[in-house]
Amino acid sequence: MRYLIAMACAVVVAALATIFVSPRLASMMVDQFTFNSPDEVGNLEDGVFMAANFMALLIGWWLGWMIGGRLVKPAETPS
């Protein structure tokens, strides 16, 4: 059950980051540099976008893992 909660949280956080965070972060990073080619702009923007989404996925997984750990009952050891 803990894995299911972690996966669900990871998907939700990654989706929210894809919609709200990653495009703005990628644009801010591209605005800080000057480029010789439009391809360089696209490469940096794509890289930042993917890195931000991957980090959001990891953060969502960790968050779900912590929530799932609180909900799971500890295993009973036979005495």
Protein backbone atom coordinates (compact mmCIF):
# COMPACT_ATOMS: atom_id res chain seq x y z
CA MET A 1 0.00 0.00 0.00
CA ARG A 2 2.91 2.29 0.74
CA TYR A 3 4.18 1.94 -2.83
CA LEU A 4 0.77 2.78 -4.24
CA ILE A 5 0.53 5.96 -2.17
CA ALA A 6 4.07 6.94 -3.17
CA MET A 7 3.34 6.43 -6.87
CA ALA A 8 0.08 8.36 -6.70
CA CYS A 9 1.73 11.30 -4.94
CA ALA A 10 4.62 11.24 -7.40
CA VAL A 11 2.25 11.44 -10.36
CA VAL A 12 0.20 14.25 -8.81
CA VAL A 13 3.22 16.36 -7.82
CA ALA A 14 4.90 15.80 -11.21
CA ALA A 15 1.71 16.78 -13.05
CA LEU A 16 1.34 19.95 -10.99
CA ALA A 17 4.99 20.83 -11.58
CA THR A 18 4.60 20.21 -15.32
CA ILE A 19 1.69 22.61 -15.49
CA PHE A 20 2.72 25.36 -13.06
CA VAL A 21 6.43 25.25 -12.17
CA SER A 22 8.55 23.83 -14.99
CA PRO A 23 7.56 26.25 -17.80
CA ARG A 24 8.22 29.30 -15.65
CA LEU A 25 11.50 27.91 -14.35
CA ALA A 26 12.67 27.02 -17.87
CA SER A 27 11.81 30.51 -19.14
CA MET A 28 13.62 32.17 -16.24
CA MET A 29 16.75 30.11 -16.90
CA VAL A 30 16.72 30.87 -20.63
CA ASP A 31 16.32 34.61 -19.97
CA GLN A 32 19.54 34.68 -17.95
CA PHE A 33 21.82 33.73 -20.87
CA THR A 34 22.60 34.92 -24.38
CA PHE A 35 22.70 32.40 -27.20
CA ASN A 36 24.16 32.16 -30.70
CA SER A 37 21.57 29.73 -32.01
CA PRO A 38 17.88 29.08 -31.43
CA ASP A 39 18.78 25.41 -30.99
CA GLU A 40 20.77 26.29 -27.87
CA VAL A 41 17.71 28.03 -26.44
CA GLY A 42 15.56 24.98 -27.08
CA ASN A 43 18.13 22.60 -25.64
CA LEU A 44 18.49 24.54 -22.40
CA GLU A 45 14.76 25.04 -22.05
CA ASP A 46 14.08 21.34 -22.63
CA GLY A 47 16.80 20.29 -20.20
CA VAL A 48 15.59 22.56 -17.42
CA PHE A 49 11.99 21.49 -18.03
CA MET A 50 12.87 17.79 -17.81
CA ALA A 51 15.12 18.25 -14.77
CA ALA A 52 12.43 20.18 -12.91
CA ASN A 53 9.85 17.51 -13.71
CA PHE A 54 12.20 14.75 -12.58
CA MET A 55 12.90 16.54 -9.30
CA ALA A 56 9.15 17.01 -8.78
CA LEU A 57 8.66 13.30 -9.39
CA LEU A 58 11.29 12.44 -6.76
CA ILE A 59 9.85 14.91 -4.27
CA GLY A 60 6.36 13.50 -4.85
CA TRP A 61 7.62 9.95 -4.38
CA TRP A 62 9.34 10.90 -1.13
CA LEU A 63 6.27 12.74 0.12
CA GLY A 64 4.04 9.77 -0.70
CA TRP A 65 6.50 7.39 0.92
CA MET A 66 6.40 9.41 4.14
CA ILE A 67 2.59 9.63 4.09
CA GLY A 68 2.30 5.93 3.32
CA GLY A 69 4.66 5.08 6.16
CA ARG A 70 2.41 6.83 8.62
CA LEU A 71 -0.66 4.97 7.38
CA VAL A 72 0.82 1.47 7.33
CA LYS A 73 0.57 -0.53 10.51
CA PRO A 74 3.86 -1.95 11.78
CA ALA A 75 4.31 -5.68 11.31
CA GLU A 76 3.48 -7.77 14.34
CA THR A 77 6.18 -10.18 15.37
CA PRO A 78 5.08 -13.47 16.83
CA SER A 79 6.19 -13.96 20.42
